[in-house]
Amino acid sequence: MSAEFDFSIVLETENLATADLQGLVRSLASLANQDPSPIKAREVLLIESGDIPADLLMRLTEQYPWVKVCSAPLGTGYYESKMLGAKLATGEIVVYYDSDCLYESGWLRKILAPFTYSEEIQVVAGETTTNGVGFYGTAMALGYIFPQYSGRSGLTPGKHYFLNNVAFRRSFLLAYPIPIDLPLYRGNCAIHAHELIQSGTIIWQQPKARALHAPPNGLSHFFWRFLLIGHDYYWQKKLIPTSTNAEPTMTGKKGKFGIFIDRISKMVDRDFRHAYFLLFSLPIVILSSLLIYVGYVITSRQPNYLLKTYNKL
């Protein structure tokens, strides 16, 4: 690859069905300020499946003319949208970006740079954590699916990635696509990561490529999101052998209590205000954990009930 990166950026609108639409405005602003500029991309593809009001979409494309809107059928899922973007892209590297995330300055260059080190590098994953501070923000930083930033600085092999902050060589991804037809709401990337590792692929972790993900937006999103985390945990346990589980934060020598304490420590290191809200946020953390447990139990008895019910809403 030349000094000028050969890349495409893919984002979708499916997750905006339950998110704050203004998050997309802020997200695109953080993309516009990246180095290299998104103008340097082969294309910035917005896979639009009917989740953005037409007036907002028009305003954003006028403000950011480098965004290319690609219409997808209403109801196109998150992972289907992501893989559609990979098929439509023309860059050597496909960078995945989510419309409800904010990306640090320099994120784009940091996630692209490792591909210049070796042709053998096929996957580079950044680090994503939860945005926000306060009673709710602190609770979500503690209890939501994204871990705190690791604090590492160097490129290291890992066992997982988040699809809001990862880059693939396009030819590799098309040869080893993210599975779509799985009984999961989210978490297909955990199955995909497991399959890649089993095939001998290294998922390289780039801790300098950092993003902030929005917490669940509103009571309904909170309720369903944590129920469906329980649903996904059940199915991931069914689909991934326990001895090779692709999500390292769920098990390990530290144990769950050690992971909990480590997360609190990293939260406070990142933003000391979390210390003030920590005690008051615990009821929300307990409620979210209870919803995960209930979602897991319901799914263990009726494996497809929760996802089918949610999709009908």
C-alpha atoms as a PDB file:
ATOM      1  CA  MET A   1       0.000   0.000   0.000  1.00  0.00           C
ATOM      2  CA  SER A   2       1.254   3.453  -0.804  1.00  0.00           C
ATOM      3  CA  ALA A   3       1.693   6.285   1.659  1.00  0.00           C
ATOM      4  CA  GLU A   4      -1.761   7.462   0.597  1.00  0.00           C
ATOM      5  CA  PHE A   5      -4.078   4.876   2.151  1.00  0.00           C
ATOM      6  CA  ASP A   6      -6.435   3.098  -0.253  1.00  0.00           C
ATOM      7  CA  PHE A   7      -9.599   2.806   1.836  1.00  0.00           C
ATOM      8  CA  SER A   8     -13.371   3.049   1.950  1.00  0.00           C
ATOM      9  CA  ILE A   9     -15.538   3.921   4.954  1.00  0.00           C
ATOM     10  CA  VAL A  10     -18.858   2.201   5.610  1.00  0.00           C
ATOM     11  CA  LEU A  11     -21.557   3.343   8.020  1.00  0.00           C
ATOM     12  CA  GLU A  12     -25.235   2.443   8.204  1.00  0.00           C
ATOM     13  CA  THR A  13     -28.467   3.823   9.608  1.00  0.00           C
ATOM     14  CA  GLU A  14     -30.088   0.652  10.996  1.00  0.00           C
ATOM     15  CA  ASN A  15     -28.978   1.343  14.562  1.00  0.00           C
ATOM     16  CA  LEU A  16     -30.479   4.841  14.383  1.00  0.00           C
ATOM     17  CA  ALA A  17     -33.941   3.286  14.703  1.00  0.00           C
ATOM     18  CA  THR A  18     -33.407   3.409  18.485  1.00  0.00           C
ATOM     19  CA  ALA A  19     -30.697   6.085  18.751  1.00  0.00           C
ATOM     20  CA  ASP A  20     -30.628   9.863  19.035  1.00  0.00           C
ATOM     21  CA  LEU A  21     -30.643  11.197  15.463  1.00  0.00           C
ATOM     22  CA  GLN A  22     -28.484  14.120  16.544  1.00  0.00           C
ATOM     23  CA  GLY A  23     -25.845  11.514  17.305  1.00  0.00           C
ATOM     24  CA  LEU A  24     -25.434  11.053  13.549  1.00  0.00           C
ATOM     25  CA  VAL A  25     -24.787  14.779  13.162  1.00  0.00           C
ATOM     26  CA  ARG A  26     -22.089  14.662  15.839  1.00  0.00           C
ATOM     27  CA  SER A  27     -20.658  11.440  14.449  1.00  0.00           C
ATOM     28  CA  LEU A  28     -20.229  12.847  10.949  1.00  0.00           C
ATOM     29  CA  ALA A  29     -18.624  15.967  12.412  1.00  0.00           C
ATOM     30  CA  SER A  30     -16.020  13.778  14.122  1.00  0.00           C
ATOM     31  CA  LEU A  31     -15.417  11.966  10.820  1.00  0.00           C
ATOM     32  CA  ALA A  32     -15.026  15.238   8.940  1.00  0.00           C
ATOM     33  CA  ASN A  33     -12.176  16.220  11.294  1.00  0.00           C
ATOM     34  CA  GLN A  34     -10.184  13.009  10.810  1.00  0.00           C
ATOM     35  CA  ASP A  35      -6.707  12.689   9.330  1.00  0.00           C
ATOM     36  CA  PRO A  36      -6.633  11.565   6.578  1.00  0.00           C
ATOM     37  CA  SER A  37      -9.735  13.460   5.551  1.00  0.00           C
ATOM     38  CA  PRO A  38     -12.711  11.358   4.456  1.00  0.00           C
ATOM     39  CA  ILE A  39     -12.321  13.166   1.154  1.00  0.00           C
ATOM     40  CA  LYS A  40      -9.266  10.925   0.633  1.00  0.00           C
ATOM     41  CA  ALA A  41     -11.418   7.776   0.846  1.00  0.00           C
ATOM     42  CA  ARG A  42     -12.463   5.962  -2.308  1.00  0.00           C
ATOM     43  CA  GLU A  43     -15.960   6.466  -0.946  1.00  0.00           C
ATOM     44  CA  VAL A  44     -17.802   7.040   2.311  1.00  0.00           C
ATOM     45  CA  LEU A  45     -20.872   4.829   2.023  1.00  0.00           C
ATOM     46  CA  LEU A  46     -23.957   5.485   4.120  1.00  0.00           C
ATOM     47  CA  ILE A  47     -26.161   2.399   3.847  1.00  0.00           C
ATOM     48  CA  GLU A  48     -29.595   3.937   4.384  1.00  0.00           C
ATOM     49  CA  SER A  49     -32.471   1.606   5.235  1.00  0.00           C
ATOM     50  CA  GLY A  50     -35.174   4.156   5.955  1.00  0.00           C
ATOM     51  CA  ASP A  51     -34.163   5.223   9.449  1.00  0.00           C
ATOM     52  CA  ILE A  52     -33.280   8.875   8.725  1.00  0.00           C
ATOM     53  CA  PRO A  53     -35.905  11.552   7.969  1.00  0.00           C
ATOM     54  CA  ALA A  54     -35.533  12.783   4.383  1.00  0.00           C
ATOM     55  CA  ASP A  55     -34.936  16.415   5.408  1.00  0.00           C
ATOM     56  CA  LEU A  56     -32.108  15.481   7.779  1.00  0.00           C
ATOM     57  CA  LEU A  57     -30.537  13.216   5.178  1.00  0.00           C
ATOM     58  CA  MET A  58     -30.624  16.012   2.602  1.00  0.00           C
ATOM     59  CA  ARG A  59     -29.086  18.489   5.036  1.00  0.00           C
ATOM     60  CA  LEU A  60     -26.268  16.111   5.941  1.00  0.00           C
ATOM     61  CA  THR A  61     -25.387  15.266   2.352  1.00  0.00           C
ATOM     62  CA  GLU A  62     -25.312  18.981   1.520  1.00  0.00           C
ATOM     63  CA  GLN A  63     -23.003  19.625   4.486  1.00  0.00           C
ATOM     64  CA  TYR A  64     -20.839  16.560   3.767  1.00  0.00           C
ATOM     65  CA  PRO A  65     -20.901  16.039  -0.009  1.00  0.00           C
ATOM     66  CA  TRP A  66     -18.371  13.212   0.294  1.00  0.00           C
ATOM     67  CA  VAL A  67     -21.074  10.995   1.839  1.00  0.00           C
ATOM     68  CA  LYS A  68     -22.537   8.639  -0.766  1.00  0.00           C
ATOM     69  CA  VAL A  69     -25.994   7.414   0.196  1.00  0.00           C
ATOM     70  CA  CYS A  70     -26.776   3.832  -0.836  1.00  0.00           C
ATOM     71  CA  SER A  71     -30.404   2.851  -0.359  1.00  0.00           C
ATOM     72  CA  ALA A  72     -31.133  -0.544   1.139  1.00  0.00           C
ATOM     73  CA  PRO A  73     -34.549  -2.189   1.518  1.00  0.00           C
ATOM     74  CA  LEU A  74     -36.550  -1.183   4.573  1.00  0.00           C
ATOM     75  CA  GLY A  75     -35.745  -3.582   7.381  1.00  0.00           C
ATOM     76  CA  THR A  76     -32.245  -4.434   6.202  1.00  0.00           C
ATOM     77  CA  GLY A  77     -30.385  -5.594   9.310  1.00  0.00           C
ATOM     78  CA  TYR A  78     -27.234  -4.203  10.869  1.00  0.00           C
ATOM     79  CA  TYR A  79     -24.899  -6.952   9.651  1.00  0.00           C
ATOM     80  CA  GLU A  80     -26.544  -7.130   6.235  1.00  0.00           C
ATOM     81  CA  SER A  81     -25.931  -3.389   5.862  1.00  0.00           C
ATOM     82  CA  LYS A  82     -22.292  -3.773   6.871  1.00  0.00           C
ATOM     83  CA  MET A  83     -21.657  -6.570   4.378  1.00  0.00           C
ATOM     84  CA  LEU A  84     -23.533  -4.716   1.645  1.00  0.00           C
ATOM     85  CA  GLY A  85     -21.119  -1.832   2.240  1.00  0.00           C
ATOM     86  CA  ALA A  86     -18.142  -4.159   1.824  1.00  0.00           C
ATOM     87  CA  LYS A  87     -19.521  -5.417  -1.496  1.00  0.00           C
ATOM     88  CA  LEU A  88     -20.124  -1.878  -2.792  1.00  0.00           C
ATOM     89  CA  ALA A  89     -16.801  -0.451  -1.600  1.00  0.00           C
ATOM     90  CA  THR A  90     -13.789  -0.231  -3.929  1.00  0.00           C
ATOM     91  CA  GLY A  91     -10.973   0.581  -1.481  1.00  0.00           C
ATOM     92  CA  GLU A  92      -8.369  -2.008  -0.514  1.00  0.00           C
ATOM     93  CA  ILE A  93      -9.258  -1.442   3.162  1.00  0.00           C
ATOM     94  CA  VAL A  94     -12.844  -1.267   4.430  1.00  0.00           C
ATOM     95  CA  VAL A  95     -13.175   0.781   7.613  1.00  0.00           C
ATOM     96  CA  TYR A  96     -16.336   0.291   9.655  1.00  0.00           C
ATOM     97  CA  TYR A  97     -17.808   3.305  11.387  1.00  0.00           C
ATOM     98  CA  ASP A  98     -21.071   3.599  13.340  1.00  0.00           C
ATOM     99  CA  SER A  99     -23.469   6.491  13.204  1.00  0.00           C
ATOM    100  CA  ASP A 100     -23.928   6.581  16.998  1.00  0.00           C
ATOM    101  CA  CYS A 101     -20.221   6.834  17.858  1.00  0.00           C
ATOM    102  CA  LEU A 102     -17.720   9.664  18.262  1.00  0.00           C
ATOM    103  CA  TYR A 103     -14.147   9.061  17.148  1.00  0.00           C
ATOM    104  CA  GLU A 104     -11.029  10.621  18.612  1.00  0.00           C
ATOM    105  CA  SER A 105      -8.859  12.877  16.521  1.00  0.00           C
ATOM    106  CA  GLY A 106      -6.364  10.743  14.615  1.00  0.00           C
ATOM    107  CA  TRP A 107      -8.524   7.619  14.895  1.00  0.00           C
ATOM    108  CA  LEU A 108      -8.650   6.997  11.147  1.00  0.00           C
ATOM    109  CA  ARG A 109      -4.897   7.150  10.573  1.00  0.00           C
ATOM    110  CA  LYS A 110      -4.257   4.949  13.602  1.00  0.00           C
ATOM    111  CA  ILE A 111      -6.597   2.198  12.451  1.00  0.00           C
ATOM    112  CA  LEU A 112      -5.247   2.291   8.891  1.00  0.00           C
ATOM    113  CA  ALA A 113      -1.522   2.464   9.692  1.00  0.00           C
ATOM    114  CA  PRO A 114      -0.982  -1.210  10.702  1.00  0.00           C
ATOM    115  CA  PHE A 115      -1.969  -2.375   7.212  1.00  0.00           C
ATOM    116  CA  THR A 116       1.228  -0.776   5.919  1.00  0.00           C
ATOM    117  CA  TYR A 117       3.364  -2.904   8.256  1.00  0.00           C
ATOM    118  CA  SER A 118       2.685  -6.226   6.549  1.00  0.00           C
ATOM    119  CA  GLU A 119       0.521  -7.697   3.812  1.00  0.00           C
ATOM    120  CA  GLU A 120      -0.299 -10.460   6.319  1.00  0.00           C
ATOM    121  CA  ILE A 121      -2.334  -8.067   8.495  1.00  0.00           C
ATOM    122  CA  GLN A 122      -5.983  -8.574   7.542  1.00  0.00           C
ATOM    123  CA  VAL A 123      -7.958  -7.206  10.521  1.00  0.00           C
ATOM    124  CA  VAL A 124      -7.268  -4.233  12.804  1.00  0.00           C
ATOM    125  CA  ALA A 125      -9.640  -3.510  15.707  1.00  0.00           C
ATOM    126  CA  GLY A 126      -9.776  -0.262  17.642  1.00  0.00           C
ATOM    127  CA  GLU A 127     -11.114   0.220  21.170  1.00  0.00           C
ATOM    128  CA  THR A 128     -14.641   1.402  21.902  1.00  0.00           C
ATOM    129  CA  THR A 129     -16.034   2.423  25.267  1.00  0.00           C
ATOM    130  CA  THR A 130     -19.310   3.960  26.434  1.00  0.00           C
ATOM    131  CA  ASN A 131     -19.822   7.708  26.300  1.00  0.00           C
ATOM    132  CA  GLY A 132     -21.315   9.772  29.102  1.00  0.00           C
ATOM    133  CA  VAL A 133     -20.950  10.582  32.779  1.00  0.00           C
ATOM    134  CA  GLY A 134     -23.552  11.176  35.498  1.00  0.00           C
ATOM    135  CA  PHE A 135     -26.070   8.863  37.186  1.00  0.00           C
ATOM    136  CA  TYR A 136     -26.984   7.181  33.913  1.00  0.00           C
ATOM    137  CA  GLY A 137     -23.724   7.706  32.030  1.00  0.00           C
ATOM    138  CA  THR A 138     -21.641   6.236  34.844  1.00  0.00           C
ATOM    139  CA  ALA A 139     -24.016   3.283  35.153  1.00  0.00           C
ATOM    140  CA  MET A 140     -23.656   2.563  31.440  1.00  0.00           C
ATOM    141  CA  ALA A 141     -19.874   2.968  31.563  1.00  0.00           C
ATOM    142  CA  LEU A 142     -19.916   0.300  34.282  1.00  0.00           C
ATOM    143  CA  GLY A 143     -22.608  -2.068  33.046  1.00  0.00           C
ATOM    144  CA  TYR A 144     -22.867  -1.786  29.247  1.00  0.00           C
ATOM    145  CA  ILE A 145     -21.193  -4.155  26.773  1.00  0.00           C
ATOM    146  CA  PHE A 146     -18.145  -2.032  25.944  1.00  0.00           C
ATOM    147  CA  PRO A 147     -15.072  -2.327  28.194  1.00  0.00           C
ATOM    148  CA  GLN A 148     -13.033   0.667  29.267  1.00  0.00           C
ATOM    149  CA  TYR A 149      -9.959   1.626  27.257  1.00  0.00           C
ATOM    150  CA  SER A 150      -7.146  -0.815  27.979  1.00  0.00           C
ATOM    151  CA  GLY A 151      -4.432   1.785  28.491  1.00  0.00           C
ATOM    152  CA  ARG A 152      -2.087  -0.121  26.182  1.00  0.00           C
ATOM    153  CA  SER A 153      -0.151   1.676  23.456  1.00  0.00           C
ATOM    154  CA  GLY A 154       1.174  -1.032  21.154  1.00  0.00           C
ATOM    155  CA  LEU A 155      -0.379  -3.311  18.557  1.00  0.00           C
ATOM    156  CA  THR A 156      -1.225  -6.708  20.085  1.00  0.00           C
ATOM    157  CA  PRO A 157      -3.076  -9.865  18.990  1.00  0.00           C
ATOM    158  CA  GLY A 158      -6.617 -10.055  20.342  1.00  0.00           C
ATOM    159  CA  LYS A 159      -9.694 -12.263  20.335  1.00  0.00           C
ATOM    160  CA  HIS A 160     -12.531  -9.932  19.440  1.00  0.00           C
ATOM    161  CA  TYR A 161     -13.574  -6.768  17.628  1.00  0.00           C
ATOM    162  CA  PHE A 162     -16.501  -4.366  17.612  1.00  0.00           C
ATOM    163  CA  LEU A 163     -18.002  -3.618  14.224  1.00  0.00           C
ATOM    164  CA  ASN A 164     -18.206   0.086  15.034  1.00  0.00           C
ATOM    165  CA  ASN A 165     -14.401   0.343  15.139  1.00  0.00           C
ATOM    166  CA  VAL A 166     -12.601  -2.153  12.911  1.00  0.00           C
ATOM    167  CA  ALA A 167     -10.958  -2.320   9.490  1.00  0.00           C
ATOM    168  CA  PHE A 168     -10.500  -5.269   7.133  1.00  0.00           C
ATOM    169  CA  ARG A 169      -8.709  -5.873   3.892  1.00  0.00           C
ATOM    170  CA  ARG A 170     -11.724  -5.956   1.599  1.00  0.00           C
ATOM    171  CA  SER A 171     -10.665  -9.072  -0.324  1.00  0.00           C
ATOM    172  CA  PHE A 172     -10.192 -10.944   2.946  1.00  0.00           C
ATOM    173  CA  LEU A 173     -13.583  -9.892   4.335  1.00  0.00           C
ATOM    174  CA  LEU A 174     -15.385 -10.946   1.168  1.00  0.00           C
ATOM    175  CA  ALA A 175     -13.639 -14.313   1.382  1.00  0.00           C
ATOM    176  CA  TYR A 176     -14.482 -14.671   5.097  1.00  0.00           C
ATOM    177  CA  PRO A 177     -17.721 -12.679   5.490  1.00  0.00           C
ATOM    178  CA  ILE A 178     -19.472 -11.790   8.718  1.00  0.00           C
ATOM    179  CA  PRO A 179     -22.263 -14.372   9.180  1.00  0.00           C
ATOM    180  CA  ILE A 180     -25.691 -12.824   8.771  1.00  0.00           C
ATOM    181  CA  ASP A 181     -28.234 -15.609   9.302  1.00  0.00           C
ATOM    182  CA  LEU A 182     -27.742 -16.110  13.042  1.00  0.00           C
ATOM    183  CA  PRO A 183     -30.381 -16.025  15.824  1.00  0.00           C
ATOM    184  CA  LEU A 184     -28.707 -12.975  17.402  1.00  0.00           C
ATOM    185  CA  TYR A 185     -29.623  -9.318  17.753  1.00  0.00           C
ATOM    186  CA  ARG A 186     -26.008  -8.211  17.995  1.00  0.00           C
ATOM    187  CA  GLY A 187     -22.945 -10.362  18.517  1.00  0.00           C
ATOM    188  CA  ASN A 188     -22.458 -11.813  15.047  1.00  0.00           C
ATOM    189  CA  CYS A 189     -18.994 -10.271  15.161  1.00  0.00           C
ATOM    190  CA  ALA A 190     -18.160 -12.434  18.209  1.00  0.00           C
ATOM    191  CA  ILE A 191     -19.015 -15.527  16.174  1.00  0.00           C
ATOM    192  CA  HIS A 192     -17.055 -14.153  13.237  1.00  0.00           C
ATOM    193  CA  ALA A 193     -14.029 -13.394  15.437  1.00  0.00           C
ATOM    194  CA  HIS A 194     -14.107 -16.949  16.778  1.00  0.00           C
ATOM    195  CA  GLU A 195     -14.206 -18.361  13.241  1.00  0.00           C
ATOM    196  CA  LEU A 196     -11.306 -16.145  12.144  1.00  0.00           C
ATOM    197  CA  ILE A 197      -9.150 -17.171  15.088  1.00  0.00           C
ATOM    198  CA  GLN A 198      -9.957 -20.837  14.482  1.00  0.00           C
ATOM    199  CA  SER A 199      -8.795 -20.397  10.885  1.00  0.00           C
ATOM    200  CA  GLY A 200      -5.468 -18.949  12.071  1.00  0.00           C
ATOM    201  CA  THR A 201      -6.184 -15.263  11.442  1.00  0.00           C
ATOM    202  CA  ILE A 202      -4.805 -12.727  13.919  1.00  0.00           C
ATOM    203  CA  ILE A 203      -7.151  -9.929  14.973  1.00  0.00           C
ATOM    204  CA  TRP A 204      -4.746  -7.088  15.689  1.00  0.00           C
ATOM    205  CA  GLN A 205      -5.807  -4.715  18.475  1.00  0.00           C
ATOM    206  CA  GLN A 206      -4.920  -1.059  17.946  1.00  0.00           C
ATOM    207  CA  PRO A 207      -5.556   0.645  21.311  1.00  0.00           C
ATOM    208  CA  LYS A 208      -4.775   4.093  19.907  1.00  0.00           C
ATOM    209  CA  ALA A 209      -7.810   3.996  17.592  1.00  0.00           C
ATOM    210  CA  ARG A 210     -10.459   4.997  20.119  1.00  0.00           C
ATOM    211  CA  ALA A 211     -14.192   5.627  19.878  1.00  0.00           C
ATOM    212  CA  LEU A 212     -17.039   6.533  22.236  1.00  0.00           C
ATOM    213  CA  HIS A 213     -20.344   4.725  21.784  1.00  0.00           C
ATOM    214  CA  ALA A 214     -23.666   6.230  22.859  1.00  0.00           C
ATOM    215  CA  PRO A 215     -25.474   4.432  25.720  1.00  0.00           C
ATOM    216  CA  PRO A 216     -29.024   3.113  25.189  1.00  0.00           C
ATOM    217  CA  ASN A 217     -31.312   6.016  24.350  1.00  0.00           C
ATOM    218  CA  GLY A 218     -34.446   6.198  26.476  1.00  0.00           C
ATOM    219  CA  LEU A 219     -36.314   3.748  28.692  1.00  0.00           C
ATOM    220  CA  SER A 220     -37.613   1.465  25.920  1.00  0.00           C
ATOM    221  CA  HIS A 221     -34.186   1.139  24.299  1.00  0.00           C
ATOM    222  CA  PHE A 222     -32.615   0.487  27.727  1.00  0.00           C
ATOM    223  CA  PHE A 223     -35.183  -2.206  28.565  1.00  0.00           C
ATOM    224  CA  TRP A 224     -34.923  -4.066  25.269  1.00  0.00           C
ATOM    225  CA  ARG A 225     -31.194  -3.634  24.805  1.00  0.00           C
ATOM    226  CA  PHE A 226     -30.337  -5.366  28.081  1.00  0.00           C
ATOM    227  CA  LEU A 227     -32.929  -8.105  27.590  1.00  0.00           C
ATOM    228  CA  LEU A 228     -31.384  -8.776  24.188  1.00  0.00           C
ATOM    229  CA  ILE A 229     -27.863  -8.831  25.646  1.00  0.00           C
ATOM    230  CA  GLY A 230     -29.095 -11.783  27.711  1.00  0.00           C
ATOM    231  CA  HIS A 231     -30.583 -13.302  24.553  1.00  0.00           C
ATOM    232  CA  ASP A 232     -27.269 -12.898  22.726  1.00  0.00           C
ATOM    233  CA  TYR A 233     -25.235 -14.342  25.616  1.00  0.00           C
ATOM    234  CA  TYR A 234     -27.362 -17.478  25.511  1.00  0.00           C
ATOM    235  CA  TRP A 235     -26.828 -17.933  21.784  1.00  0.00           C
ATOM    236  CA  GLN A 236     -23.116 -17.105  21.904  1.00  0.00           C
ATOM    237  CA  LYS A 237     -22.654 -19.827  24.520  1.00  0.00           C
ATOM    238  CA  LYS A 238     -24.456 -22.231  22.197  1.00  0.00           C
ATOM    239  CA  LEU A 239     -22.477 -21.214  19.110  1.00  0.00           C
ATOM    240  CA  ILE A 240     -19.002 -20.729  20.615  1.00  0.00           C
ATOM    241  CA  PRO A 241     -17.337 -23.511  22.622  1.00  0.00           C
ATOM    242  CA  THR A 242     -16.659 -22.365  26.194  1.00  0.00           C
ATOM    243  CA  SER A 243     -12.964 -23.271  26.000  1.00  0.00           C
ATOM    244  CA  THR A 244     -12.428 -20.894  23.083  1.00  0.00           C
ATOM    245  CA  ASN A 245     -14.917 -18.155  23.900  1.00  0.00           C
ATOM    246  CA  ALA A 246     -14.214 -15.140  21.684  1.00  0.00           C
ATOM    247  CA  GLU A 247     -15.094 -12.520  24.308  1.00  0.00           C
ATOM    248  CA  PRO A 248     -12.223 -12.298  26.801  1.00  0.00           C
ATOM    249  CA  THR A 249     -13.993  -9.932  29.165  1.00  0.00           C
ATOM    250  CA  MET A 250     -16.574 -12.557  30.149  1.00  0.00           C
ATOM    251  CA  THR A 251     -14.142 -14.980  31.762  1.00  0.00           C
ATOM    252  CA  GLY A 252     -10.543 -15.097  32.884  1.00  0.00           C
ATOM    253  CA  LYS A 253      -8.176 -15.466  35.805  1.00  0.00           C
ATOM    254  CA  LYS A 254      -9.363 -12.260  37.438  1.00  0.00           C
ATOM    255  CA  GLY A 255     -12.908 -13.516  37.809  1.00  0.00           C
ATOM    256  CA  LYS A 256     -15.988 -11.347  37.415  1.00  0.00           C
ATOM    257  CA  PHE A 257     -15.317  -9.347  40.593  1.00  0.00           C
ATOM    258  CA  GLY A 258     -11.782  -8.559  39.437  1.00  0.00           C
ATOM    259  CA  ILE A 259     -13.094  -7.443  36.044  1.00  0.00           C
ATOM    260  CA  PHE A 260     -15.673  -5.242  37.806  1.00  0.00           C
ATOM    261  CA  ILE A 261     -13.024  -3.546  39.973  1.00  0.00           C
ATOM    262  CA  ASP A 262     -10.692  -3.134  36.998  1.00  0.00           C
ATOM    263  CA  ARG A 263     -13.434  -1.437  35.006  1.00  0.00           C
ATOM    264  CA  ILE A 264     -14.194   0.986  37.850  1.00  0.00           C
ATOM    265  CA  SER A 265     -10.510   1.852  38.135  1.00  0.00           C
ATOM    266  CA  LYS A 266     -10.214   2.570  34.417  1.00  0.00           C
ATOM    267  CA  MET A 267     -13.450   4.573  34.402  1.00  0.00           C
ATOM    268  CA  VAL A 268     -12.174   6.864  37.143  1.00  0.00           C
ATOM    269  CA  ASP A 269      -8.770   7.175  35.480  1.00  0.00           C
ATOM    270  CA  ARG A 270     -10.451   8.268  32.250  1.00  0.00           C
ATOM    271  CA  ASP A 271     -12.864  10.713  33.912  1.00  0.00           C
ATOM    272  CA  PHE A 272     -12.633  11.325  37.658  1.00  0.00           C
ATOM    273  CA  ARG A 273     -16.255  12.536  37.765  1.00  0.00           C
ATOM    274  CA  HIS A 274     -17.329   8.878  37.614  1.00  0.00           C
ATOM    275  CA  ALA A 275     -16.178   8.560  41.234  1.00  0.00           C
ATOM    276  CA  TYR A 276     -18.836  11.076  42.349  1.00  0.00           C
ATOM    277  CA  PHE A 277     -21.688   9.254  40.614  1.00  0.00           C
ATOM    278  CA  LEU A 278     -20.591   5.663  41.153  1.00  0.00           C
ATOM    279  CA  LEU A 279     -22.628   4.857  44.281  1.00  0.00           C
ATOM    280  CA  PHE A 280     -25.787   6.491  42.930  1.00  0.00           C
ATOM    281  CA  SER A 281     -25.469   4.679  39.621  1.00  0.00           C
ATOM    282  CA  LEU A 282     -25.490   1.198  41.188  1.00  0.00           C
ATOM    283  CA  PRO A 283     -29.318   0.754  41.151  1.00  0.00           C
ATOM    284  CA  ILE A 284     -29.247   1.255  37.360  1.00  0.00           C
ATOM    285  CA  VAL A 285     -26.370  -1.213  37.038  1.00  0.00           C
ATOM    286  CA  ILE A 286     -28.284  -3.762  39.128  1.00  0.00           C
ATOM    287  CA  LEU A 287     -31.418  -3.279  37.018  1.00  0.00           C
ATOM    288  CA  SER A 288     -29.476  -3.692  33.779  1.00  0.00           C
ATOM    289  CA  SER A 289     -27.838  -6.877  35.120  1.00  0.00           C
ATOM    290  CA  LEU A 290     -31.238  -8.212  36.150  1.00  0.00           C
ATOM    291  CA  LEU A 291     -32.599  -7.581  32.649  1.00  0.00           C
ATOM    292  CA  ILE A 292     -29.643  -9.460  31.141  1.00  0.00           C
ATOM    293  CA  TYR A 293     -30.353 -12.391  33.452  1.00  0.00           C
ATOM    294  CA  VAL A 294     -34.074 -12.348  32.630  1.00  0.00           C
ATOM    295  CA  GLY A 295     -33.275 -12.186  28.912  1.00  0.00           C
ATOM    296  CA  TYR A 296     -30.947 -15.152  29.253  1.00  0.00           C
ATOM    297  CA  VAL A 297     -33.495 -17.223  31.185  1.00  0.00           C
ATOM    298  CA  ILE A 298     -36.334 -16.429  28.763  1.00  0.00           C
ATOM    299  CA  THR A 299     -34.141 -17.356  25.790  1.00  0.00           C
ATOM    300  CA  SER A 300     -33.001 -20.598  27.423  1.00  0.00           C
ATOM    301  CA  ARG A 301     -36.672 -21.637  27.542  1.00  0.00           C
ATOM    302  CA  GLN A 302     -37.949 -20.025  24.332  1.00  0.00           C
ATOM    303  CA  PRO A 303     -34.838 -19.426  22.179  1.00  0.00           C
ATOM    304  CA  ASN A 304     -36.412 -17.123  19.569  1.00  0.00           C
ATOM    305  CA  TYR A 305     -39.143 -15.419  21.582  1.00  0.00           C
ATOM    306  CA  LEU A 306     -37.393 -12.168  22.562  1.00  0.00           C
ATOM    307  CA  LEU A 307     -35.903 -11.390  19.170  1.00  0.00           C
ATOM    308  CA  LYS A 308     -39.138 -12.145  17.332  1.00  0.00           C
ATOM    309  CA  THR A 309     -41.094  -9.969  19.757  1.00  0.00           C
ATOM    310  CA  TYR A 310     -38.617  -7.105  19.448  1.00  0.00           C
ATOM    311  CA  ASN A 311     -38.639  -7.265  15.640  1.00  0.00           C
ATOM    312  CA  LYS A 312     -42.430  -6.916  15.624  1.00  0.00           C
ATOM    313  CA  LEU A 313     -42.339  -3.648  17.585  1.00  0.00           C
END
